[in-house]
Amino acid sequence: QVQLEESGGGLVQPGGSLRLSCAASGEFDTVYIMGWYRQGPGQQRELVATISTWSGTNYADSVKGRATISRDNAKNTVYLQINLLKPEDTAIYYCNLQTRPSMYSPITNSYWGQGTQVTVSS
C-alpha cells in the first residue's frame, strides 16, 4: 500500500542540473531514512545519497560536492539536486524509504519507487 512516486528525471546536457522529487504516500511506520539509489546500464544498484530524520546526510563519493539531498517531513517528500551532471550520472534513479515502528527499533521496512530515468548527454 506504500507508494513512492519519483519525478524530475529526463535528458540533460553535461554540466547541467537536475532536481528529483519523491513523494511517499500510504500507511507506514515512522520514517527513519529517505534516500536515492541509482542503477546505470550494466551496473548494480548503488547508493547516491540518504537523509535521516535528524537530517544527517550521506553521499556517495561520486556525487559529493555536486549533490544535495533534502526532505520535507510534513509532505513525506525527499529531493535530490545534482549539479554539474556528468555522463556517468546516467542511470535509473530509485527513491528509497526506510521506516521503523520506533526510531530505535531493530526492525526496518524498506520501500522502493519504480525509478526515474536520468540521461546526461549532449
N, C-alpha and C. Protein backbone atom coordinates (compact mmCIF):
# COMPACT_ATOMS: atom_id res chain seq x y z
N GLN A 1 0.81 -1.20 0.00
CA GLN A 1 0.00 0.00 0.00
C GLN A 1 0.85 1.27 0.00
N VAL A 2 2.08 1.13 0.44
CA VAL A 2 3.00 2.27 0.40
C VAL A 2 3.45 2.50 -1.03
N GLN A 3 3.40 3.73 -1.45
CA GLN A 3 3.80 4.10 -2.80
C GLN A 3 4.82 5.22 -2.77
N LEU A 4 5.83 5.08 -3.61
CA LEU A 4 6.84 6.11 -3.78
C LEU A 4 6.81 6.55 -5.23
N GLU A 5 6.57 7.82 -5.45
CA GLU A 5 6.46 8.34 -6.80
C GLU A 5 7.60 9.31 -7.09
N GLU A 6 8.49 8.90 -7.98
CA GLU A 6 9.61 9.75 -8.37
C GLU A 6 9.24 10.61 -9.56
N SER A 7 9.86 11.76 -9.64
CA SER A 7 9.67 12.65 -10.77
C SER A 7 10.90 13.53 -10.93
N GLY A 8 11.01 14.15 -12.08
CA GLY A 8 12.10 15.08 -12.33
C GLY A 8 13.20 14.56 -13.23
N GLY A 9 13.13 13.29 -13.59
CA GLY A 9 14.13 12.75 -14.47
C GLY A 9 13.95 13.24 -15.90
N GLY A 10 14.96 12.99 -16.71
CA GLY A 10 14.89 13.40 -18.10
C GLY A 10 16.26 13.50 -18.71
N LEU A 11 16.32 14.16 -19.85
CA LEU A 11 17.57 14.35 -20.58
C LEU A 11 18.15 15.72 -20.26
N VAL A 12 19.42 15.74 -19.92
CA VAL A 12 20.09 16.99 -19.59
C VAL A 12 21.51 16.96 -20.14
N GLN A 13 22.01 18.12 -20.51
CA GLN A 13 23.36 18.22 -21.04
C GLN A 13 24.40 18.12 -19.93
N PRO A 14 25.59 17.63 -20.25
CA PRO A 14 26.66 17.63 -19.27
C PRO A 14 26.89 19.03 -18.72
N GLY A 15 27.09 19.12 -17.41
CA GLY A 15 27.26 20.40 -16.77
C GLY A 15 25.97 21.02 -16.29
N GLY A 16 24.86 20.44 -16.68
CA GLY A 16 23.57 20.94 -16.28
C GLY A 16 23.17 20.46 -14.90
N SER A 17 21.96 20.79 -14.51
CA SER A 17 21.45 20.43 -13.19
C SER A 17 20.11 19.74 -13.30
N LEU A 18 19.81 18.99 -12.27
CA LEU A 18 18.56 18.25 -12.23
C LEU A 18 18.09 18.16 -10.79
N ARG A 19 16.80 18.22 -10.59
CA ARG A 19 16.23 18.08 -9.26
C ARG A 19 15.16 16.99 -9.28
N LEU A 20 15.42 15.94 -8.56
CA LEU A 20 14.49 14.82 -8.47
C LEU A 20 13.63 14.96 -7.23
N SER A 21 12.40 14.49 -7.34
CA SER A 21 11.48 14.51 -6.21
C SER A 21 10.91 13.12 -6.01
N CYS A 22 10.62 12.80 -4.77
CA CYS A 22 9.99 11.54 -4.43
C CYS A 22 9.00 11.77 -3.31
N ALA A 23 7.75 11.48 -3.58
CA ALA A 23 6.70 11.64 -2.59
C ALA A 23 6.19 10.28 -2.14
N ALA A 24 6.17 10.08 -0.85
CA ALA A 24 5.68 8.83 -0.27
C ALA A 24 4.23 8.99 0.16
N SER A 25 3.44 7.99 -0.12
CA SER A 25 2.04 8.01 0.26
C SER A 25 1.63 6.64 0.78
N GLY A 26 0.50 6.60 1.46
CA GLY A 26 0.02 5.37 2.04
C GLY A 26 0.27 5.34 3.54
N GLU A 27 0.16 4.16 4.10
CA GLU A 27 0.35 3.98 5.54
C GLU A 27 1.67 3.29 5.81
N PHE A 28 2.47 3.91 6.66
CA PHE A 28 3.74 3.32 7.02
C PHE A 28 4.16 3.80 8.40
N ASP A 29 5.15 3.10 8.97
CA ASP A 29 5.65 3.44 10.28
C ASP A 29 6.50 4.70 10.23
N THR A 30 7.07 5.03 11.37
CA THR A 30 7.90 6.22 11.49
C THR A 30 9.00 6.23 10.45
N VAL A 31 9.10 7.32 9.73
CA VAL A 31 10.15 7.45 8.72
C VAL A 31 11.51 7.56 9.40
N TYR A 32 12.43 6.75 8.96
CA TYR A 32 13.78 6.73 9.50
C TYR A 32 14.75 7.37 8.53
N ILE A 33 14.79 6.83 7.32
CA ILE A 33 15.69 7.33 6.30
C ILE A 33 14.98 7.39 4.95
N MET A 34 15.23 8.44 4.22
CA MET A 34 14.81 8.52 2.83
C MET A 34 16.06 8.76 2.00
N GLY A 35 16.09 8.17 0.84
CA GLY A 35 17.28 8.33 0.04
C GLY A 35 17.08 8.00 -1.42
N TRP A 36 18.19 8.13 -2.13
CA TRP A 36 18.21 7.87 -3.55
C TRP A 36 19.31 6.88 -3.89
N TYR A 37 18.98 5.94 -4.73
CA TYR A 37 19.92 4.99 -5.28
C TYR A 37 19.82 5.08 -6.80
N ARG A 38 20.80 4.53 -7.47
CA ARG A 38 20.75 4.56 -8.92
C ARG A 38 21.37 3.29 -9.50
N GLN A 39 20.96 2.98 -10.71
CA GLN A 39 21.48 1.82 -11.41
C GLN A 39 21.76 2.21 -12.85
N GLY A 40 23.02 2.27 -13.20
CA GLY A 40 23.42 2.60 -14.55
C GLY A 40 23.36 1.40 -15.45
N PRO A 41 23.51 1.61 -16.76
CA PRO A 41 23.50 0.50 -17.72
C PRO A 41 24.55 -0.55 -17.38
N GLY A 42 24.12 -1.78 -17.22
CA GLY A 42 25.03 -2.86 -16.91
C GLY A 42 25.63 -2.80 -15.52
N GLN A 43 25.10 -1.94 -14.67
CA GLN A 43 25.63 -1.76 -13.32
C GLN A 43 24.65 -2.27 -12.28
N GLN A 44 25.16 -2.44 -11.08
CA GLN A 44 24.31 -2.79 -9.96
C GLN A 44 23.84 -1.52 -9.27
N ARG A 45 22.77 -1.65 -8.54
CA ARG A 45 22.24 -0.51 -7.82
C ARG A 45 23.25 -0.01 -6.78
N GLU A 46 23.40 1.29 -6.71
CA GLU A 46 24.33 1.87 -5.77
C GLU A 46 23.70 3.06 -5.07
N LEU A 47 24.19 3.33 -3.89
CA LEU A 47 23.70 4.46 -3.11
C LEU A 47 24.16 5.77 -3.72
N VAL A 48 23.27 6.74 -3.75
CA VAL A 48 23.62 8.09 -4.17
C VAL A 48 23.67 9.01 -2.96
N ALA A 49 22.57 9.05 -2.22
CA ALA A 49 22.51 9.90 -1.04
C ALA A 49 21.35 9.48 -0.15
N THR A 50 21.51 9.69 1.14
CA THR A 50 20.44 9.42 2.09
C THR A 50 20.34 10.57 3.08
N ILE A 51 19.17 10.70 3.67
CA ILE A 51 18.96 11.71 4.70
C ILE A 51 18.10 11.09 5.80
N SER A 52 18.52 11.27 7.04
CA SER A 52 17.83 10.70 8.17
C SER A 52 16.80 11.67 8.74
N THR A 53 16.05 11.19 9.72
CA THR A 53 15.04 12.04 10.36
C THR A 53 15.66 13.19 11.12
N TRP A 54 16.91 13.04 11.52
CA TRP A 54 17.60 14.13 12.20
C TRP A 54 18.44 14.95 11.23
N SER A 55 18.19 14.74 9.94
CA SER A 55 18.81 15.48 8.84
C SER A 55 20.27 15.14 8.63
N GLY A 56 20.70 14.02 9.16
CA GLY A 56 22.03 13.56 8.85
C GLY A 56 22.07 13.07 7.41
N THR A 57 23.12 13.40 6.70
CA THR A 57 23.19 13.04 5.29
C THR A 57 24.40 12.17 4.99
N ASN A 58 24.27 11.42 3.93
CA ASN A 58 25.34 10.56 3.46
C ASN A 58 25.35 10.60 1.94
N TYR A 59 26.51 10.84 1.37
CA TYR A 59 26.64 10.95 -0.08
C TYR A 59 27.68 9.99 -0.61
N ALA A 60 27.40 9.47 -1.79
CA ALA A 60 28.41 8.69 -2.48
C ALA A 60 29.55 9.60 -2.92
N ASP A 61 30.75 9.06 -2.95
CA ASP A 61 31.90 9.86 -3.35
C ASP A 61 31.73 10.44 -4.75
N SER A 62 31.01 9.73 -5.60
CA SER A 62 30.84 10.14 -6.97
C SER A 62 30.02 11.42 -7.13
N VAL A 63 29.24 11.77 -6.11
CA VAL A 63 28.39 12.95 -6.21
C VAL A 63 28.69 13.99 -5.15
N LYS A 64 29.63 13.72 -4.26
CA LYS A 64 29.97 14.69 -3.23
C LYS A 64 30.41 16.01 -3.85
N GLY A 65 29.88 17.09 -3.32
CA GLY A 65 30.18 18.41 -3.84
C GLY A 65 29.27 18.83 -4.96
N ARG A 66 28.52 17.91 -5.53
CA ARG A 66 27.61 18.22 -6.63
C ARG A 66 26.15 18.00 -6.26
N ALA A 67 25.91 17.14 -5.28
CA ALA A 67 24.55 16.75 -4.94
C ALA A 67 24.13 17.28 -3.57
N THR A 68 22.85 17.55 -3.47
CA THR A 68 22.26 17.97 -2.20
C THR A 68 20.94 17.23 -2.02
N ILE A 69 20.84 16.52 -0.92
CA ILE A 69 19.60 15.83 -0.61
C ILE A 69 18.88 16.59 0.49
N SER A 70 17.58 16.69 0.37
CA SER A 70 16.78 17.39 1.36
C SER A 70 15.44 16.68 1.49
N ARG A 71 14.70 17.04 2.52
CA ARG A 71 13.42 16.40 2.74
C ARG A 71 12.42 17.36 3.34
N ASP A 72 11.16 17.07 3.11
CA ASP A 72 10.06 17.78 3.72
C ASP A 72 9.26 16.74 4.48
N ASN A 73 9.47 16.67 5.78
CA ASN A 73 8.84 15.64 6.59
C ASN A 73 7.31 15.73 6.56
N ALA A 74 6.79 16.94 6.54
CA ALA A 74 5.35 17.11 6.53
C ALA A 74 4.72 16.53 5.27
N LYS A 75 5.46 16.56 4.18
CA LYS A 75 4.95 16.05 2.92
C LYS A 75 5.48 14.66 2.59
N ASN A 76 6.31 14.11 3.47
CA ASN A 76 6.96 12.82 3.21
C ASN A 76 7.60 12.81 1.83
N THR A 77 8.34 13.84 1.56
CA THR A 77 8.96 14.02 0.26
C THR A 77 10.46 14.23 0.42
N VAL A 78 11.21 13.62 -0.46
CA VAL A 78 12.66 13.79 -0.48
C VAL A 78 13.07 14.31 -1.85
N TYR A 79 14.08 15.16 -1.85
CA TYR A 79 14.57 15.77 -3.07
C TYR A 79 16.05 15.48 -3.26
N LEU A 80 16.45 15.45 -4.49
CA LEU A 80 17.86 15.29 -4.81
C LEU A 80 18.23 16.27 -5.91
N GLN A 81 19.09 17.21 -5.58
CA GLN A 81 19.60 18.18 -6.54
C GLN A 81 21.00 17.75 -6.94
N ILE A 82 21.23 17.61 -8.22
CA ILE A 82 22.55 17.27 -8.72
C ILE A 82 22.98 18.34 -9.71
N ASN A 83 24.11 18.94 -9.44
CA ASN A 83 24.68 19.94 -10.33
C ASN A 83 25.87 19.35 -11.07
N LEU A 84 26.31 20.08 -12.08
CA LEU A 84 27.47 19.66 -12.87
C LEU A 84 27.36 18.20 -13.27
N LEU A 85 26.25 17.88 -13.87
CA LEU A 85 25.98 16.50 -14.25
C LEU A 85 27.00 15.98 -15.26
N LYS A 86 27.34 14.72 -15.10
CA LYS A 86 28.30 14.05 -15.95
C LYS A 86 27.62 12.89 -16.66
N PRO A 87 28.16 12.47 -17.81
CA PRO A 87 27.58 11.31 -18.50
C PRO A 87 27.48 10.08 -17.60
N GLU A 88 28.42 9.92 -16.70
CA GLU A 88 28.39 8.77 -15.80
C GLU A 88 27.28 8.84 -14.76
N ASP A 89 26.58 9.97 -14.69
CA ASP A 89 25.41 10.08 -13.83
C ASP A 89 24.18 9.45 -14.47
N THR A 90 24.30 9.08 -15.73
CA THR A 90 23.19 8.45 -16.43
C THR A 90 22.81 7.15 -15.75
N ALA A 91 21.56 7.05 -15.35
CA ALA A 91 21.09 5.87 -14.63
C ALA A 91 19.60 6.00 -14.37
N ILE A 92 19.03 4.92 -13.92
CA ILE A 92 17.70 4.97 -13.36
C ILE A 92 17.84 5.26 -11.87
N TYR A 93 17.19 6.30 -11.43
CA TYR A 93 17.28 6.70 -10.03
C TYR A 93 16.06 6.22 -9.28
N TYR A 94 16.32 5.55 -8.17
CA TYR A 94 15.26 4.97 -7.36
C TYR A 94 15.16 5.64 -6.00
N CYS A 95 13.97 5.97 -5.63
CA CYS A 95 13.72 6.51 -4.31
C CYS A 95 13.57 5.36 -3.31
N ASN A 96 14.11 5.55 -2.13
CA ASN A 96 14.05 4.53 -1.09
C ASN A 96 13.53 5.13 0.21
N LEU A 97 12.64 4.40 0.85
CA LEU A 97 12.09 4.80 2.13
C LEU A 97 12.31 3.69 3.14
N GLN A 98 12.88 4.03 4.27
CA GLN A 98 13.07 3.08 5.35
C GLN A 98 12.30 3.56 6.57
N THR A 99 11.49 2.66 7.12
CA THR A 99 10.67 3.01 8.28
C THR A 99 10.92 2.03 9.41
N ARG A 100 10.56 2.46 10.60
CA ARG A 100 10.66 1.63 11.79
C ARG A 100 9.45 1.85 12.68
N PRO A 101 9.06 0.82 13.45
CA PRO A 101 7.98 1.03 14.42
C PRO A 101 8.33 2.14 15.40
N SER A 102 9.59 2.27 15.72
CA SER A 102 10.10 3.35 16.54
C SER A 102 11.51 3.65 16.05
N MET A 103 12.02 4.78 16.48
CA MET A 103 13.31 5.23 15.99
C MET A 103 14.42 4.23 16.27
N TYR A 104 14.35 3.54 17.40
CA TYR A 104 15.41 2.64 17.81
C TYR A 104 15.05 1.17 17.66
N SER A 105 14.03 0.89 16.91
CA SER A 105 13.64 -0.49 16.65
C SER A 105 14.65 -1.18 15.76
N PRO A 106 14.94 -2.46 16.03
CA PRO A 106 15.86 -3.20 15.16
C PRO A 106 15.19 -3.62 13.86
N ILE A 107 13.90 -3.46 13.77
CA ILE A 107 13.15 -3.84 12.58
C ILE A 107 13.00 -2.65 11.66
N THR A 108 13.40 -2.83 10.43
CA THR A 108 13.32 -1.78 9.43
C THR A 108 12.59 -2.30 8.20
N ASN A 109 11.64 -1.54 7.73
CA ASN A 109 10.95 -1.85 6.49
C ASN A 109 11.48 -0.93 5.39
N SER A 110 11.66 -1.50 4.23
CA SER A 110 12.23 -0.75 3.12
C SER A 110 11.28 -0.77 1.93
N TYR A 111 11.11 0.38 1.31
CA TYR A 111 10.23 0.51 0.16
C TYR A 111 10.98 1.20 -0.98
N TRP A 112 10.60 0.84 -2.19
CA TRP A 112 11.27 1.37 -3.37
C TRP A 112 10.28 1.95 -4.37
N GLY A 113 10.69 3.00 -5.01
CA GLY A 113 9.91 3.56 -6.10
C GLY A 113 10.18 2.81 -7.39
N GLN A 114 9.47 3.18 -8.43
CA GLN A 114 9.61 2.49 -9.70
C GLN A 114 10.81 2.97 -10.51
N GLY A 115 11.37 4.08 -10.12
CA GLY A 115 12.55 4.61 -10.79
C GLY A 115 12.22 5.68 -11.81
N THR A 116 13.15 6.61 -11.97
CA THR A 116 13.03 7.65 -12.98
C THR A 116 14.35 7.75 -13.74
N GLN A 117 14.26 7.82 -15.05
CA GLN A 117 15.45 7.80 -15.89
C GLN A 117 16.10 9.16 -15.96
N VAL A 118 17.40 9.19 -15.72
CA VAL A 118 18.21 10.38 -15.90
C VAL A 118 19.26 10.09 -16.97
N THR A 119 19.26 10.87 -18.02
CA THR A 119 20.22 10.70 -19.09
C THR A 119 21.00 11.98 -19.28
N VAL A 120 22.31 11.89 -19.16
CA VAL A 120 23.19 13.05 -19.31
C VAL A 120 23.95 12.88 -20.61
N SER A 121 23.61 13.69 -21.58
CA SER A 121 24.22 13.57 -22.90
C SER A 121 24.03 14.87 -23.68
N SER A 122 25.00 15.18 -24.51
CA SER A 122 24.90 16.37 -25.35
C SER A 122 24.21 16.04 -26.66
